[in-house]
Amino acid sequence: MATDLDRQLDGIPALAGQDREITALPGGLTNRNYRVRTAAHDVVVRISPASSGLLAIDRDQEMRNTRAAARAGVGPGVVDHRRGEGILVVEFIPDALTYDDALVGANLPRVAAAVRTLHAGPEFVGRFDMFAIQRRYEAVMREHGWRMPEGYAALAPLAARMAAALGAHPEPLVPCHNDLLAANFLDTGDRIWIIDYEYSGMNEASFELGNLIQEAHLGPDDLTELVSAYVGREDPVATARAAVWGIVSAYAWTLWGTIQAGLGDIDYDFWSWAMDKFERARAAMTAPGFGRLLDTVGEGR
């Protein structure tokens, strides 16, 4: 008897009516991921729930930007996209090592080169604005009456100070991934690939770098190394800007986690995940050097 997955795969022309070897892939907090092999194809099929729209994910935009990343040479090619069904099919990258946080930290120059290649590639569709997304997440939380972290709202004035400092000297926008978790880097030895473009859009390179370090739980020295590798020299202003964006991202992604906790669609402790983000954001926003960091960013070059 055909399963729901079988029926979904039969709806994909490249996979329909063929013998298939299906392997569930780990990870994917907002999706179910499968490696599907046929005589003609070796692909990853990602199936996303309709509720992911609450998380500010545009699946059509994701598909178009995934194609652009492939043209840049850092992303896998798109095989199919089932519009309205939450299904994206991309090429499987064989013999690739999936990074964890420690491997990100051990490969920062190569990671910087891969990110720089993405940023120099074809323009992405859409604008990623972390402040706008944070406001959208707050509205979702209020609409559904889900539990907010205690003390979250009290940090809003400090978040506004970060927005003002970053807005004083905005950077040019480049095609950014915007969600560079360690697991979104695949290393085949000769190349680092970047996968999963759910939150992709035009943004500042400094956000990408600061968010990357924040997601990998790395520290200030790692951020300095990453920014220096990216720009080709030590740059205290660029490093400070990336540091502020890393704090902004932790503060905003906190609500991504609380929305997921409220939805309850996936068996995962999203509340603890969110609290990790929140506590790190709060610690950074209340640290003695926070004001000096904002002054560096606000003064610019």
Protein backbone atom coordinates (compact mmCIF):
# COMPACT_ATOMS: atom_id res chain seq x y z
CA MET A 1 0.00 0.00 0.00
CA ALA A 2 1.33 3.42 -0.96
CA THR A 3 2.29 5.69 1.93
CA ASP A 4 1.81 9.45 2.01
CA LEU A 5 5.50 9.79 1.19
CA ASP A 6 5.16 7.45 -1.79
CA ARG A 7 2.27 9.52 -3.11
CA GLN A 8 4.24 12.72 -2.68
CA LEU A 9 7.25 11.26 -4.51
CA ASP A 10 5.00 10.00 -7.31
CA GLY A 11 3.95 13.61 -7.79
CA ILE A 12 7.52 14.57 -8.67
CA PRO A 13 8.09 13.88 -12.39
CA ALA A 14 11.81 13.11 -11.98
CA LEU A 15 11.00 10.38 -9.41
CA ALA A 16 7.60 9.09 -10.48
CA GLY A 17 7.14 5.48 -11.56
CA GLN A 18 10.64 4.36 -10.66
CA ASP A 19 12.20 2.05 -8.14
CA ARG A 20 13.39 4.27 -5.32
CA GLU A 21 15.77 3.89 -2.40
CA ILE A 22 14.65 6.27 0.34
CA THR A 23 16.74 7.28 3.36
CA ALA A 24 15.50 9.69 6.03
CA LEU A 25 18.07 12.40 6.72
CA PRO A 26 18.70 13.85 10.18
CA GLY A 27 18.15 17.49 11.11
CA GLY A 28 15.60 19.75 9.51
CA LEU A 29 13.76 21.39 12.40
CA THR A 30 11.11 22.81 10.06
CA ASN A 31 11.11 20.04 7.45
CA ARG A 32 11.26 16.32 6.74
CA ASN A 33 14.26 15.48 4.56
CA TYR A 34 14.89 12.37 2.50
CA ARG A 35 17.64 11.18 0.24
CA VAL A 36 15.96 9.50 -2.74
CA ARG A 37 17.97 7.45 -5.23
CA THR A 38 16.71 6.11 -8.54
CA ALA A 39 18.54 4.82 -11.59
CA ALA A 40 18.61 8.39 -12.94
CA HIS A 41 18.69 10.64 -9.88
CA ASP A 42 20.26 11.07 -6.45
CA VAL A 43 18.42 13.89 -4.73
CA VAL A 44 17.29 15.37 -1.45
CA VAL A 45 13.54 15.82 -1.14
CA ARG A 46 12.49 18.32 1.50
CA ILE A 47 8.87 18.41 2.61
CA SER A 48 7.77 21.43 4.64
CA PRO A 49 4.64 21.88 6.78
CA ALA A 50 2.16 24.64 5.92
CA SER A 51 2.74 26.16 9.37
CA SER A 52 6.24 27.26 8.30
CA GLY A 53 4.59 30.38 6.85
CA LEU A 54 4.31 31.67 10.41
CA LEU A 55 8.11 31.59 10.54
CA ALA A 56 8.49 34.10 7.67
CA ILE A 57 9.49 31.50 5.08
CA ASP A 58 8.54 32.12 1.44
CA ARG A 59 8.95 28.79 -0.38
CA ASP A 60 8.88 30.26 -3.89
CA GLN A 61 11.55 32.78 -2.92
CA GLU A 62 13.57 29.98 -1.37
CA MET A 63 13.48 27.98 -4.61
CA ARG A 64 14.52 30.96 -6.76
CA ASN A 65 17.39 31.83 -4.44
CA THR A 66 18.51 28.20 -4.27
CA ARG A 67 18.83 28.30 -8.06
CA ALA A 68 20.85 31.53 -7.79
CA ALA A 69 23.17 29.97 -5.19
CA ALA A 70 23.73 27.03 -7.52
CA ARG A 71 24.73 29.45 -10.28
CA ALA A 72 27.15 31.07 -7.83
CA GLY A 73 28.77 27.66 -7.37
CA VAL A 74 28.08 27.13 -3.67
CA GLY A 75 24.62 25.54 -3.65
CA PRO A 76 23.18 22.28 -5.05
CA GLY A 77 21.10 22.45 -8.21
CA VAL A 78 17.30 22.46 -8.04
CA VAL A 79 15.71 19.38 -9.66
CA ASP A 80 12.05 20.22 -8.97
CA HIS A 81 9.80 22.47 -6.92
CA ARG A 82 6.19 21.56 -6.24
CA ARG A 83 4.56 24.96 -5.84
CA GLY A 84 1.98 25.03 -3.07
CA GLU A 85 2.96 21.57 -1.78
CA GLY A 86 5.98 22.56 0.29
CA ILE A 87 8.28 20.23 -1.67
CA LEU A 88 11.74 21.15 -2.91
CA VAL A 89 14.03 18.67 -4.67
CA VAL A 90 17.75 19.40 -4.93
CA GLU A 91 20.79 17.45 -6.01
CA PHE A 92 22.40 15.30 -3.32
CA ILE A 93 26.05 16.16 -2.65
CA PRO A 94 27.95 12.87 -2.24
CA ASP A 95 30.93 12.25 0.03
CA ALA A 96 30.28 15.43 1.98
CA LEU A 97 31.03 16.04 5.65
CA THR A 98 28.28 17.92 7.45
CA TYR A 99 29.75 20.51 9.80
CA ASP A 100 29.11 20.89 13.49
CA ASP A 101 29.98 23.98 15.52
CA ALA A 102 33.54 22.82 16.19
CA LEU A 103 34.20 22.25 12.48
CA VAL A 104 32.90 25.72 11.65
CA GLY A 105 35.39 27.14 14.15
CA ALA A 106 38.23 25.04 12.74
CA ASN A 107 37.56 26.13 9.14
CA LEU A 108 36.76 29.85 9.38
CA PRO A 109 38.98 30.99 6.45
CA ARG A 110 37.39 28.42 4.12
CA VAL A 111 33.92 29.23 5.45
CA ALA A 112 34.60 32.93 4.81
CA ALA A 113 35.63 32.15 1.22
CA ALA A 114 32.43 30.17 0.58
CA VAL A 115 30.27 32.92 2.06
CA ARG A 116 32.11 35.56 0.03
CA THR A 117 31.46 33.54 -3.14
CA LEU A 118 27.76 33.41 -2.33
CA HIS A 119 27.67 37.16 -1.67
CA ALA A 120 29.36 37.85 -5.01
CA GLY A 121 26.88 35.69 -6.91
CA PRO A 122 23.59 36.45 -8.66
CA GLU A 123 21.21 38.76 -6.83
CA PHE A 124 18.61 37.09 -4.62
CA VAL A 125 14.89 37.68 -4.62
CA GLY A 126 13.51 39.45 -1.56
CA ARG A 127 14.91 41.49 1.30
CA PHE A 128 15.79 39.89 4.62
CA ASP A 129 15.34 42.38 7.46
CA MET A 130 15.93 40.83 10.89
CA PHE A 131 14.26 43.73 12.68
CA ALA A 132 11.12 43.42 10.53
CA ILE A 133 11.05 39.66 11.07
CA GLN A 134 11.40 40.12 14.82
CA ARG A 135 8.38 42.44 14.79
CA ARG A 136 6.47 39.91 12.70
CA TYR A 137 7.31 37.16 15.17
CA GLU A 138 6.14 39.33 18.06
CA ALA A 139 2.81 39.85 16.29
CA VAL A 140 2.43 36.09 15.79
CA MET A 141 3.15 35.51 19.48
CA ARG A 142 0.53 38.07 20.53
CA GLU A 143 -2.05 36.77 18.08
CA HIS A 144 -1.77 33.21 19.37
CA GLY A 145 -1.24 34.08 23.02
CA TRP A 146 1.89 31.99 23.28
CA ARG A 147 4.25 32.30 26.22
CA MET A 148 6.89 35.01 25.92
CA PRO A 149 10.24 34.74 27.67
CA GLU A 150 10.22 36.68 30.92
CA GLY A 151 12.08 39.95 30.41
CA TYR A 152 11.98 39.83 26.61
CA ALA A 153 9.97 43.04 26.18
CA ALA A 154 12.22 44.90 28.62
CA LEU A 155 15.09 44.60 26.16
CA ALA A 156 13.19 46.40 23.37
CA PRO A 157 14.82 49.80 24.08
CA LEU A 158 18.27 48.22 23.75
CA ALA A 159 17.20 46.55 20.50
CA ALA A 160 16.11 49.97 19.26
CA ARG A 161 19.57 51.34 20.07
CA MET A 162 21.11 48.57 17.98
CA ALA A 163 18.79 49.41 15.08
CA ALA A 164 19.78 53.09 15.30
CA ALA A 165 23.50 52.32 15.38
CA LEU A 166 23.28 49.91 12.45
CA GLY A 167 21.10 52.32 10.48
CA ALA A 168 23.61 55.17 10.73
CA HIS A 169 25.93 53.70 8.10
CA PRO A 170 24.13 50.85 6.30
CA GLU A 171 26.13 48.46 4.15
CA PRO A 172 25.30 47.59 0.54
CA LEU A 173 22.99 44.60 0.28
CA VAL A 174 24.30 41.28 -1.08
CA PRO A 175 22.70 37.84 -1.59
CA CYS A 176 22.73 36.29 1.88
CA HIS A 177 21.72 32.91 3.29
CA ASN A 178 20.79 34.48 6.67
CA ASP A 179 20.57 31.18 8.58
CA LEU A 180 24.06 29.69 8.52
CA LEU A 181 23.78 26.94 11.08
CA ALA A 182 26.74 24.59 11.14
CA ALA A 183 24.67 21.85 9.49
CA ASN A 184 24.10 24.08 6.47
CA PHE A 185 27.77 23.69 5.52
CA LEU A 186 28.82 20.56 3.62
CA ASP A 187 32.52 19.95 2.96
CA THR A 188 33.68 17.72 0.11
CA GLY A 189 37.34 18.54 0.67
CA ASP A 190 37.74 20.62 -2.45
CA ARG A 191 34.75 22.84 -1.71
CA ILE A 192 32.42 24.01 1.02
CA TRP A 193 28.79 23.91 -0.06
CA ILE A 194 25.99 25.94 1.52
CA ILE A 195 22.50 24.41 1.64
CA ASP A 196 18.93 25.26 2.77
CA TYR A 197 17.97 28.75 1.62
CA GLU A 198 14.71 29.14 3.57
CA TYR A 199 15.57 32.60 4.88
CA SER A 200 17.67 33.78 1.95
CA GLY A 201 17.39 37.31 0.65
CA MET A 202 19.34 40.48 0.12
CA ASN A 203 21.01 41.65 3.31
CA GLU A 204 24.21 43.05 4.77
CA ALA A 205 27.27 40.83 4.69
CA SER A 206 27.90 41.81 8.33
CA PHE A 207 24.64 40.19 9.37
CA GLU A 208 25.68 36.94 7.71
CA LEU A 209 29.01 36.90 9.52
CA GLY A 210 27.66 37.88 12.92
CA ASN A 211 24.76 35.46 12.72
CA LEU A 212 27.10 32.66 11.62
CA ILE A 213 29.28 33.08 14.71
CA GLN A 214 26.24 33.36 16.96
CA GLU A 215 24.68 30.19 15.56
CA ALA A 216 27.91 28.22 16.02
CA HIS A 217 28.29 29.38 19.64
CA LEU A 218 31.72 30.82 18.83
CA GLY A 219 33.40 33.79 20.50
CA PRO A 220 34.85 37.24 19.79
CA ASP A 221 38.22 35.93 18.62
CA ASP A 222 36.45 33.67 16.13
CA LEU A 223 34.42 36.61 14.87
CA THR A 224 37.59 38.65 14.36
CA GLU A 225 39.14 35.76 12.43
CA LEU A 226 36.05 35.29 10.26
CA VAL A 227 35.64 38.98 9.43
CA SER A 228 39.36 39.37 8.75
CA ALA A 229 39.30 36.39 6.40
CA TYR A 230 36.20 37.75 4.68
CA VAL A 231 37.48 41.33 4.10
CA GLY A 232 41.16 40.41 3.77
CA ARG A 233 42.42 42.36 6.79
CA GLU A 234 41.59 43.13 10.40
CA ASP A 235 38.73 45.63 10.48
CA PRO A 236 37.51 46.67 13.94
CA VAL A 237 34.48 48.54 12.61
CA ALA A 238 33.32 45.66 10.40
CA THR A 239 33.90 43.27 13.30
CA ALA A 240 31.88 45.45 15.67
CA ARG A 241 29.07 45.68 13.13
CA ALA A 242 28.98 41.90 12.73
CA ALA A 243 29.00 41.52 16.53
CA VAL A 244 25.94 43.76 16.87
CA TRP A 245 24.12 41.87 14.14
CA GLY A 246 24.90 38.64 16.00
CA ILE A 247 23.18 40.04 19.10
CA VAL A 248 20.21 41.21 17.02
CA SER A 249 19.86 37.78 15.48
CA ALA A 250 19.93 35.97 18.83
CA TYR A 251 17.24 38.33 20.16
CA ALA A 252 15.01 37.84 17.11
CA TRP A 253 15.56 34.10 16.61
CA THR A 254 14.46 33.65 20.23
CA LEU A 255 10.90 34.18 19.01
CA TRP A 256 11.39 31.71 16.16
CA GLY A 257 11.92 29.13 18.87
CA THR A 258 8.94 30.23 20.98
CA ILE A 259 6.66 30.09 17.92
CA GLN A 260 7.86 26.57 17.21
CA ALA A 261 7.23 25.68 20.86
CA GLY A 262 3.72 27.09 20.55
CA LEU A 263 3.00 25.20 17.34
CA GLY A 264 4.09 21.88 18.82
CA ASP A 265 4.35 20.30 15.35
CA ILE A 266 7.76 18.71 15.93
CA ASP A 267 9.04 16.63 18.84
CA TYR A 268 11.86 18.93 19.90
CA ASP A 269 12.52 21.14 22.92
CA PHE A 270 12.17 24.47 21.12
CA TRP A 271 11.62 26.36 24.36
CA SER A 272 15.08 25.45 25.66
CA TRP A 273 16.53 26.29 22.24
CA ALA A 274 14.85 29.70 22.43
CA MET A 275 16.04 30.34 25.98
CA ASP A 276 19.63 29.69 24.92
CA LYS A 277 19.27 32.41 22.29
CA PHE A 278 17.54 34.77 24.69
CA GLU A 279 20.03 34.40 27.53
CA ARG A 280 22.97 35.01 25.20
CA ALA A 281 21.25 38.06 23.70
CA ARG A 282 20.39 39.44 27.13
CA ALA A 283 23.93 38.88 28.41
CA ALA A 284 25.40 40.73 25.43
CA MET A 285 22.90 43.62 25.61
CA THR A 286 23.56 44.18 29.31
CA ALA A 287 27.34 43.70 29.20
CA PRO A 288 29.55 46.66 30.22
CA GLY A 289 30.99 47.03 26.72
CA PHE A 290 27.65 47.15 24.91
CA GLY A 291 27.56 50.94 24.68
CA ARG A 292 31.09 51.17 23.31
CA LEU A 293 30.25 48.52 20.73
CA LEU A 294 27.27 50.57 19.53
CA ASP A 295 29.40 53.73 19.44
CA THR A 296 31.94 52.00 17.18
CA VAL A 297 29.21 50.90 14.81
CA GLY A 298 27.38 54.23 14.86
CA GLU A 299 30.52 56.24 14.15
CA GLY A 300 31.33 54.11 11.10
CA ARG A 301 34.51 54.69 9.10
